[in-house]
Amino acid sequence: MARLPRLTVTGYPHHVILRGNNRQDIFRSTADYQRMLDLLFEHSRSHKVDVHAYVLMGNHLHLLLTPQEDQALPKMMQAVGRSYVQVFNKMHARTGTLWEGRYRSTLIQTDRYLLACMAYIDLNPVRAHMVAQPEDYAWSSFGHYTGRRTDRLITPPALYWGLGNTPFAREAAYAELVHAGISADQQGALTDATLSGWALGDAGFVAGLQAQTPRRLVKAKPGRPFSKSKGADKSAL
């Protein structure tokens, strides 16, 4: 069966995962991490993609992105991926591919999953037992949202501004949200949807989104399609 094209719709947030080939490290030094951030900033701006959250792990990275133009997201990811490999190979005297195929992504319902996805991303180093608390990890967006530093890469989503009326209130509310964690159901839904490429949201959201794209948004149910000419398949009743 032919592989479905990636699901990308302008103006909606997308959770993106990019992994190293065979789970190999894609960052070996502080310079590598910084170079990736510089490339993400450069190409997100040039292709008009808002970066809401990120985490750079040893062998993969997570991004929460909203493209503002058609095809902006795949063009940005292609530019970042190619540029980073060129520099990484030169710096570490290596050749060949670095990535495990193409990036994985899912489009998410903003009001239901956006803040949960941000927390999911910022909690990755904690789940991986790399640090005890998200504020202990340098290469994520958590520090920006909690007032520890200013990150030029980040464009806060509207839901973040709604967390409080002052910067201090928003920072405290976001820190509390992340430290509280997300449910196992939310974590599983975000992971599964991103790896499979299906849209993540309630039935009404998916139905409204389907009107904007010819690409199928959810996994088809097993079995043969219903045929009026032959009647219903009794085994499915």
Foldseek 3Di string as FASTA:
>chain_A
DDDFDFDADAPFKKKKKWFWAVNAFLDDDPVLLVLLLVLLQVLCVVLVKAWAKKFHDGTMIITIIHHHDPPSVVVSQVSSLVVSVVVSCVVVVHDDHTTHPDMFMATEDCVPPVLLVRLLRLCVCCVVVVDVASVVDDGICLCCQQVNDPRPRHDHDPVLCVQDVDSNSSNVSSRVVSVVHDDPVSNVQRVVCRRRNAYYDDPVVLVVVCVVDVGDRDDDDDDDDADPVVHGDVVVD
